[in-house]
Amino acid sequence: MFRTHILIRSEVKEDRCVDLPETSTLRTTHSTPKTLVGCSRIRSNIVEALSTPMPPPPTAKVKPPSRIKPLQTMRGHTKGVTGVVHLPDGRRIITCSADGSLRLWNLESGVQIGDDWRDDESGDGGDGKHAVWIIALSPNGKTIASGGINGKVRLWDVETEKLVARWIGHTEGTESLCWSVDGKRVVSGSYDGTIRVWDVESGDTVLGPIKTEHRNVFAVIYSPDTTKIATGGRNETALKIWDAKTGNLLSTIKLDSRVWCLAWTSDQKKIIVASEGGSIRIFDTATWQQIAILEGHTDAVNSLSLFQNDRLLASGSDDFSARLWNLDTNLPVGPPMQHQTTVCSAAISADGKQLVTGCGDKNAYVWDIHTTLKDAGLEDLLSTHNVNTSPSASSQH
């Protein structure tokens, strides 16, 4: 089952999905089949409505329009779409937004199903004070965990579309979420610099709060066997690995830029790290040495989605594009999927044939990536023969 998390940044050009003034004080998945992802999105206690397309980053070259056009556009959110997950039936998705809502959509028609999902306790002020930054789907596909600006972690029943739990503990916004493989635990990362492990049945914090020494935790993710937790964030530019049972720090891998998103392959041999500069780096988990770098994005990467066979990766960026990557060669596949503003989230479908992106322009888009792979002669990247039965993990920023 997929896991997805979203990471966000604060300060000028630290926001992936929100443009904040320099004086602002900030705090702050989809999962693909059998993939764990961990990233976070921009959080601030003055979250802007992500309604005005931002100009291209000054350091980025403006690319010509992509030949690829979206199959479908989901319109309805009143602020930026910060997260998206595919449901197991392959016909529906759920999105979350800085407008404070979750919404269920028909993937083929692009039509919203039913009413917005909102927490009545949080109100509906439309001022960004109840922004939802991240959603993550449980392994059995029955429950959504959400996090946002007020730090609470909420659980939603997918069938009834109702809120079933609120977990209180973080003192600032919740940036990233990841379910354990057995669905009994959820790990959360916060703008308060800590991570917490929650027991799903009781709602209690069973590990933590762990002070990570990241000023803000932007990405948190379980290893596929749930024995380790990886974190990345602001201040300390490092990838950190923790014992998921004791909370002890196991490894610190120093980097030259902040970590925004993480993905862990299902065989547990590689971890993929996306950063603020646009680079996507791959590390060998046996040695923690970098073994590859994916080059193409020109600005921060907000989201990673890893297909279940560990051979296809999707990414979404502040450079207004989403990209596909062949992890056999570590090269891009096809042209980038161009958007009018920042891409906050990206999620590959369970069959690998479609990608859904959530953007700062308040819309979600469906892309036919099967045709892109077919045109490139790379349909084999969707093969699931000999796929490891352990889930992989991915995160978003």
Protein backbone atom coordinates (compact mmCIF):
# COMPACT_ATOMS: atom_id res chain seq x y z
CA MET A 1 0.00 0.00 0.00
CA PHE A 2 1.12 3.52 -0.54
CA ARG A 3 2.20 5.97 2.04
CA THR A 4 2.47 9.62 1.42
CA HIS A 5 3.61 12.61 3.33
CA ILE A 6 4.04 16.20 2.58
CA LEU A 7 6.73 18.65 3.59
CA ILE A 8 6.61 22.40 3.64
CA ARG A 9 8.99 25.21 4.34
CA SER A 10 8.82 28.51 6.01
CA GLU A 11 10.53 31.81 5.36
CA VAL A 12 11.06 33.39 1.98
CA LYS A 13 11.36 30.72 -0.72
CA GLU A 14 10.97 28.06 1.88
CA ASP A 15 7.34 27.68 1.12
CA ARG A 16 6.46 25.22 -1.53
CA CYS A 17 2.78 25.88 -1.64
CA VAL A 18 2.46 29.18 0.17
CA ASP A 19 4.22 32.45 -0.46
CA LEU A 20 4.94 34.01 2.92
CA PRO A 21 6.47 37.36 3.86
CA GLU A 22 9.97 37.29 5.28
CA THR A 23 8.73 38.41 8.68
CA SER A 24 6.22 35.57 8.98
CA THR A 25 6.65 33.06 11.76
CA LEU A 26 6.17 29.58 10.39
CA ARG A 27 5.48 26.25 11.76
CA THR A 28 4.34 23.51 10.30
CA THR A 29 2.10 11.01 0.77
CA HIS A 30 0.30 9.13 -1.68
CA SER A 31 1.13 6.64 -1.66
CA THR A 32 1.93 4.28 -4.39
CA PRO A 33 1.33 0.60 -4.05
CA LYS A 34 3.76 -0.90 -1.62
CA THR A 35 5.67 2.32 -1.31
CA LEU A 36 6.43 4.46 1.69
CA VAL A 37 6.81 8.17 1.21
CA GLY A 38 7.57 10.99 3.62
CA CYS A 39 7.43 14.68 2.87
CA SER A 40 5.90 17.81 4.25
CA ARG A 41 4.51 21.07 2.97
CA ILE A 42 4.85 24.66 3.78
CA ARG A 43 3.31 25.58 7.06
CA SER A 44 2.85 28.90 8.67
CA ASN A 45 0.59 30.34 11.29
CA ILE A 46 -0.33 32.84 8.60
CA VAL A 47 -0.98 30.38 5.80
CA GLU A 48 -1.79 32.26 2.64
CA ALA A 49 -4.56 31.17 0.37
CA LEU A 50 -2.75 29.44 -2.40
CA SER A 51 -4.83 31.17 -4.97
CA THR A 52 -2.46 33.35 -6.97
CA PRO A 53 -0.02 31.59 -9.31
CA MET A 54 3.54 32.49 -8.40
CA PRO A 55 6.03 33.74 -10.98
CA PRO A 56 8.73 31.26 -12.00
CA PRO A 57 11.65 31.09 -9.54
CA PRO A 58 14.22 33.72 -10.53
CA THR A 59 16.98 31.12 -10.82
CA ALA A 60 14.95 28.74 -12.95
CA LYS A 61 14.87 28.77 -16.72
CA VAL A 62 11.35 29.10 -18.06
CA LYS A 63 10.64 25.94 -20.03
CA PRO A 64 8.50 25.82 -23.16
CA PRO A 65 5.01 24.42 -22.72
CA SER A 66 4.96 20.66 -22.24
CA ARG A 67 3.51 18.46 -24.96
CA ILE A 68 1.79 16.52 -22.20
CA LYS A 69 -1.65 17.75 -21.16
CA PRO A 70 -3.63 16.56 -18.14
CA LEU A 71 -6.46 14.09 -18.70
CA GLN A 72 -8.63 15.67 -16.03
CA THR A 73 -8.75 18.68 -13.72
CA MET A 74 -10.39 18.62 -10.29
CA ARG A 75 -11.71 22.07 -9.38
CA GLY A 76 -13.40 23.03 -6.11
CA HIS A 77 -10.83 23.73 -3.44
CA THR A 78 -10.57 27.43 -2.57
CA LYS A 79 -6.86 27.28 -1.68
CA GLY A 80 -3.86 25.23 -2.72
CA VAL A 81 -4.13 21.43 -2.92
CA THR A 82 -1.48 20.18 -0.50
CA GLY A 83 -1.95 16.42 -0.63
CA VAL A 84 -3.49 13.57 -2.62
CA VAL A 85 -3.95 9.82 -2.16
CA HIS A 86 -5.39 7.11 -4.41
CA LEU A 87 -8.01 4.80 -2.90
CA PRO A 88 -7.64 1.03 -3.43
CA ASP A 89 -10.53 0.80 -5.91
CA GLY A 90 -8.46 2.77 -8.44
CA ARG A 91 -11.46 4.96 -9.26
CA ARG A 92 -11.33 7.59 -6.53
CA ILE A 93 -8.83 9.94 -4.91
CA ILE A 94 -8.86 12.09 -1.80
CA THR A 95 -7.26 15.53 -1.68
CA CYS A 96 -6.52 17.95 1.14
CA SER A 97 -6.06 21.68 1.00
CA ALA A 98 -5.00 24.84 2.77
CA ASP A 99 -8.72 25.69 2.71
CA GLY A 100 -9.13 23.29 5.66
CA SER A 101 -10.99 20.52 3.83
CA LEU A 102 -10.54 17.01 2.50
CA ARG A 103 -12.48 16.09 -0.64
CA LEU A 104 -13.35 12.83 -2.41
CA TRP A 105 -13.23 12.77 -6.23
CA ASN A 106 -14.15 10.53 -9.13
CA LEU A 107 -10.85 10.02 -10.93
CA GLU A 108 -12.35 9.56 -14.39
CA SER A 109 -14.91 12.38 -14.40
CA GLY A 110 -13.08 14.80 -12.11
CA VAL A 111 -16.32 15.40 -10.19
CA GLN A 112 -16.36 15.77 -6.41
CA ILE A 113 -18.22 13.01 -4.57
CA GLY A 114 -20.34 14.19 -1.65
CA ASP A 115 -19.59 17.10 0.64
CA ASP A 116 -16.29 18.48 1.88
CA TRP A 117 -14.79 16.67 4.86
CA ARG A 118 -14.25 19.18 7.66
CA ASP A 119 -13.66 19.08 11.39
CA ASP A 120 -16.53 21.07 12.90
CA GLU A 121 -14.39 21.80 15.93
CA SER A 122 -11.80 23.63 13.84
CA GLY A 123 -14.32 25.95 12.23
CA ASP A 124 -14.40 27.07 8.64
CA GLY A 125 -12.91 30.52 8.67
CA GLY A 126 -11.32 30.35 5.25
CA ASP A 127 -8.35 32.27 6.63
CA GLY A 128 -5.76 29.50 6.54
CA LYS A 129 -5.87 28.98 10.31
CA HIS A 130 -7.22 25.46 9.82
CA ALA A 131 -5.17 24.51 6.77
CA VAL A 132 -4.64 20.80 6.13
CA TRP A 133 -1.10 20.15 4.95
CA ILE A 134 -0.85 16.41 4.63
CA ILE A 135 -2.85 13.22 4.33
CA ALA A 136 -1.75 9.58 4.51
CA LEU A 137 -3.81 6.47 3.75
CA SER A 138 -3.73 3.46 6.06
CA PRO A 139 -2.39 0.15 4.70
CA ASN A 140 -5.90 -1.33 4.52
CA GLY A 141 -7.23 1.74 2.68
CA LYS A 142 -9.96 2.37 5.26
CA THR A 143 -8.59 5.33 7.22
CA ILE A 144 -7.03 8.68 6.35
CA ALA A 145 -4.66 10.45 8.74
CA SER A 146 -4.42 14.21 8.27
CA GLY A 147 -2.25 16.92 9.75
CA GLY A 148 -2.06 20.66 9.50
CA ILE A 149 -1.35 24.04 10.93
CA ASN A 150 -2.76 23.54 14.43
CA GLY A 151 -0.63 20.44 15.11
CA LYS A 152 -3.49 17.99 15.67
CA VAL A 153 -3.46 14.65 13.89
CA ARG A 154 -6.92 13.58 12.76
CA LEU A 155 -8.27 10.22 11.58
CA TRP A 156 -11.09 9.93 9.05
CA ASP A 157 -13.18 6.89 8.11
CA VAL A 158 -13.07 6.58 4.31
CA GLU A 159 -16.40 4.74 4.05
CA THR A 160 -18.44 7.07 6.25
CA GLU A 161 -16.37 10.18 5.41
CA LYS A 162 -16.50 11.08 9.10
CA LEU A 163 -13.88 12.24 11.59
CA VAL A 164 -13.19 9.44 14.07
CA ALA A 165 -10.27 10.70 16.19
CA ARG A 166 -8.20 13.74 17.12
CA TRP A 167 -4.71 13.33 18.57
CA ILE A 168 -3.22 16.24 20.47
CA GLY A 169 0.46 16.56 21.31
CA HIS A 170 2.45 18.64 18.84
CA THR A 171 2.77 22.30 19.79
CA GLU A 172 3.09 23.49 16.20
CA GLY A 173 1.94 22.38 12.78
CA THR A 174 2.11 18.74 11.69
CA GLU A 175 4.29 18.53 8.59
CA SER A 176 4.51 14.86 7.76
CA LEU A 177 2.79 11.53 8.51
CA CYS A 178 3.49 7.88 7.83
CA TRP A 179 1.63 4.68 8.77
CA SER A 180 3.38 1.56 9.97
CA VAL A 181 3.00 -1.47 7.71
CA ASP A 182 0.61 -3.21 10.13
CA GLY A 183 -1.53 -0.10 10.46
CA LYS A 184 -1.17 -0.02 14.25
CA ARG A 185 1.08 3.03 14.46
CA VAL A 186 1.38 6.45 12.84
CA VAL A 187 4.53 8.56 13.06
CA SER A 188 4.19 12.33 12.77
CA GLY A 189 6.76 15.08 12.22
CA SER A 190 6.13 18.65 13.29
CA TYR A 191 7.27 22.20 12.93
CA ASP A 192 7.97 22.01 16.67
CA GLY A 193 11.08 19.95 15.84
CA THR A 194 9.80 16.66 17.26
CA ILE A 195 8.41 13.37 16.03
CA ARG A 196 5.79 11.27 17.79
CA VAL A 197 4.64 7.71 17.34
CA TRP A 198 0.91 7.24 17.99
CA ASP A 199 -1.02 4.09 18.82
CA VAL A 200 -3.93 4.05 16.38
CA GLU A 201 -6.35 2.22 18.65
CA SER A 202 -5.81 4.28 21.81
CA GLY A 203 -4.64 7.57 20.30
CA ASP A 204 -1.78 7.70 22.81
CA THR A 205 1.76 8.82 22.08
CA VAL A 206 3.72 5.58 22.57
CA LEU A 207 7.13 6.96 21.57
CA GLY A 208 8.31 10.52 21.97
CA PRO A 209 8.14 13.35 21.62
CA ILE A 210 11.64 12.80 20.22
CA LYS A 211 13.62 16.02 19.91
CA THR A 212 15.26 15.59 16.54
CA GLU A 213 17.49 18.70 16.60
CA HIS A 214 15.86 19.70 13.33
CA ARG A 215 14.36 23.11 14.03
CA ASN A 216 11.38 21.92 11.99
CA VAL A 217 10.74 18.35 10.85
CA PHE A 218 9.74 18.42 7.20
CA ALA A 219 9.84 14.70 6.41
CA VAL A 220 9.32 11.56 8.44
CA ILE A 221 9.05 8.01 7.16
CA TYR A 222 9.10 4.43 8.41
CA SER A 223 11.41 1.86 6.87
CA PRO A 224 9.37 -0.81 5.08
CA ASP A 225 9.87 -3.25 7.97
CA THR A 226 8.94 -0.53 10.49
CA THR A 227 12.14 -1.00 12.51
CA LYS A 228 13.56 2.42 11.66
CA ILE A 229 12.33 5.98 11.19
CA ALA A 230 14.03 8.52 8.93
CA THR A 231 13.68 12.29 9.38
CA GLY A 232 14.77 15.41 7.57
CA GLY A 233 14.16 19.08 8.16
CA ARG A 234 15.34 22.59 8.74
CA ASN A 235 18.38 23.92 10.61
CA GLU A 236 20.34 20.72 10.76
CA THR A 237 20.84 19.77 7.11
CA ALA A 238 20.99 16.06 7.68
CA LEU A 239 19.14 12.83 7.17
CA LYS A 240 18.66 11.11 10.52
CA ILE A 241 17.83 7.47 11.17
CA TRP A 242 16.12 6.44 14.43
CA ASP A 243 15.29 3.15 16.12
CA ALA A 244 11.49 2.89 15.79
CA LYS A 245 11.18 0.93 19.04
CA THR A 246 13.48 2.85 21.39
CA GLY A 247 13.71 6.25 19.70
CA ASN A 248 17.51 6.12 19.82
CA LEU A 249 19.45 7.93 17.10
CA LEU A 250 21.23 5.35 14.90
CA SER A 251 22.82 7.41 12.11
CA THR A 252 23.26 11.00 10.97
CA ILE A 253 24.05 11.63 7.30
CA LYS A 254 25.19 15.23 6.80
CA LEU A 255 23.96 16.96 3.66
CA ASP A 256 24.54 20.32 1.98
CA SER A 257 20.87 21.34 1.82
CA ARG A 258 17.64 20.84 3.71
CA VAL A 259 15.66 17.65 3.28
CA TRP A 260 12.11 18.11 2.01
CA CYS A 261 10.97 14.61 1.07
CA LEU A 262 11.96 10.99 1.52
CA ALA A 263 11.19 7.65 -0.13
CA TRP A 264 12.40 4.22 1.01
CA THR A 265 12.51 1.31 -1.45
CA SER A 266 10.62 -1.84 -0.56
CA ASP A 267 13.81 -3.93 -0.41
CA GLN A 268 15.10 -1.42 2.16
CA LYS A 269 18.41 -1.09 0.30
CA LYS A 270 17.97 2.53 -0.84
CA ILE A 271 16.55 5.75 0.54
CA ILE A 272 15.74 8.64 -1.78
CA VAL A 273 16.23 12.18 -0.50
CA ALA A 274 14.76 15.31 -2.14
CA SER A 275 16.03 18.73 -1.14
CA GLU A 276 15.44 22.45 -1.44
CA GLY A 277 17.81 22.97 -4.36
CA GLY A 278 15.98 20.58 -6.64
CA SER A 279 18.33 17.63 -6.33
CA ILE A 280 17.09 14.10 -5.70
CA ARG A 281 19.79 11.89 -4.19
CA ILE A 282 19.85 8.15 -3.64
CA PHE A 283 21.72 6.60 -0.69
CA ASP A 284 22.77 3.02 -0.01
CA THR A 285 21.27 2.13 3.39
CA ALA A 286 24.06 -0.36 4.14
CA THR A 287 26.80 2.31 3.97
CA TRP A 288 24.74 5.54 3.95
CA GLN A 289 26.84 6.66 0.99
CA GLN A 290 25.32 8.53 -1.94
CA ILE A 291 25.17 6.29 -5.00
CA ALA A 292 23.21 8.42 -7.50
CA ILE A 293 21.69 11.83 -8.12
CA LEU A 294 18.66 12.65 -10.28
CA GLU A 295 19.11 15.98 -12.03
CA GLY A 296 16.41 18.00 -13.77
CA HIS A 297 14.39 20.06 -11.28
CA THR A 298 15.53 23.65 -10.85
CA ASP A 299 13.83 24.37 -7.52
CA ALA A 300 12.77 22.59 -4.35
CA VAL A 301 11.17 19.16 -4.66
CA ASN A 302 7.99 18.96 -2.57
CA SER A 303 6.82 15.43 -3.20
CA LEU A 304 8.05 11.97 -4.11
CA SER A 305 5.92 8.99 -5.13
CA LEU A 306 7.62 5.63 -5.62
CA PHE A 307 5.90 2.87 -7.61
CA GLN A 308 5.65 -0.51 -5.95
CA ASN A 309 8.37 -2.15 -8.05
CA ASP A 310 10.97 0.47 -6.99
CA ARG A 311 11.79 1.22 -10.65
CA LEU A 312 9.61 4.28 -11.31
CA LEU A 313 9.62 7.52 -9.32
CA ALA A 314 7.50 10.66 -9.67
CA SER A 315 8.39 14.06 -8.21
CA GLY A 316 6.68 17.44 -7.88
CA SER A 317 8.54 20.72 -7.53
CA ASP A 318 8.49 24.46 -6.96
CA ASP A 319 9.76 24.79 -10.54
CA PHE A 320 6.13 24.30 -11.66
CA SER A 321 6.71 20.78 -12.94
CA ALA A 322 6.26 17.11 -12.14
CA ARG A 323 8.70 14.56 -13.51
CA LEU A 324 9.05 10.82 -13.99
CA TRP A 325 12.32 9.00 -13.31
CA ASN A 326 13.65 5.65 -14.48
CA LEU A 327 15.41 4.26 -11.41
CA ASP A 328 17.12 1.57 -13.50
CA THR A 329 19.16 4.32 -15.19
CA ASN A 330 18.46 7.29 -12.86
CA LEU A 331 17.40 9.35 -15.88
CA PRO A 332 14.18 11.32 -16.52
CA VAL A 333 11.40 9.76 -18.58
CA GLY A 334 9.65 11.95 -21.13
CA PRO A 335 9.17 15.72 -20.87
CA PRO A 336 8.20 17.35 -17.58
CA MET A 337 4.52 17.81 -16.84
CA GLN A 338 4.24 21.60 -16.71
CA HIS A 339 1.89 23.47 -14.36
CA GLN A 340 1.02 27.13 -13.86
CA THR A 341 2.29 27.20 -10.29
CA THR A 342 4.11 25.12 -7.69
CA VAL A 343 3.40 21.39 -7.52
CA CYS A 344 2.69 20.60 -3.87
CA SER A 345 1.97 16.88 -4.11
CA ALA A 346 2.20 13.97 -6.54
CA ALA A 347 0.88 10.40 -6.32
CA ILE A 348 1.22 7.47 -8.72
CA SER A 349 -1.84 5.23 -9.06
CA ALA A 350 -1.69 1.60 -7.90
CA ASP A 351 -1.36 0.34 -11.48
CA GLY A 352 1.24 2.99 -12.33
CA LYS A 353 -0.72 4.30 -15.30
CA GLN A 354 -1.75 7.67 -13.90
CA LEU A 355 -0.21 10.43 -11.81
CA VAL A 356 -2.27 12.92 -9.83
CA THR A 357 -0.72 16.25 -8.85
CA GLY A 358 -1.98 18.84 -6.37
CA CYS A 359 -1.06 22.46 -6.97
CA GLY A 360 -1.00 25.94 -5.54
CA ASP A 361 -3.59 27.04 -8.10
CA LYS A 362 -6.32 25.21 -6.08
CA ASN A 363 -6.60 22.36 -8.59
CA ALA A 364 -5.62 18.70 -8.82
CA TYR A 365 -4.61 17.22 -12.19
CA VAL A 366 -4.67 13.68 -13.61
CA TRP A 367 -1.87 12.73 -16.03
CA ASP A 368 -1.59 9.74 -18.37
CA ILE A 369 1.90 8.49 -17.55
CA HIS A 370 1.28 5.08 -19.14
CA THR A 371 1.36 6.70 -22.57
CA THR A 372 4.53 8.61 -21.66
CA LEU A 373 6.25 5.36 -20.69
CA LYS A 374 4.93 3.58 -23.78
CA ASP A 375 6.17 6.34 -26.08
CA ALA A 376 9.60 6.09 -24.46
CA GLY A 377 9.68 2.32 -24.88
CA LEU A 378 9.70 1.91 -21.10
CA GLU A 379 6.39 0.17 -20.40
CA ASP A 380 8.43 -2.46 -18.57
CA LEU A 381 8.88 0.05 -15.73
CA LEU A 382 5.30 -0.84 -14.75
CA SER A 383 6.03 -4.56 -14.50
CA THR A 384 5.18 -5.97 -11.09
CA HIS A 385 6.63 -9.43 -11.62
CA ASN A 386 8.92 -10.38 -8.75
CA VAL A 387 7.81 -7.36 -6.74
CA ASN A 388 8.89 -7.49 -3.11
CA THR A 389 5.82 -7.98 -0.94
CA SER A 390 7.14 -5.50 1.63
CA PRO A 391 5.76 -2.00 1.16
CA SER A 392 8.02 0.85 0.23
CA ALA A 393 7.56 4.29 1.70
CA SER A 394 7.41 7.81 0.33
CA SER A 395 7.01 11.31 1.72
CA GLN A 396 6.17 14.83 0.56
CA HIS A 397 7.12 18.24 1.71
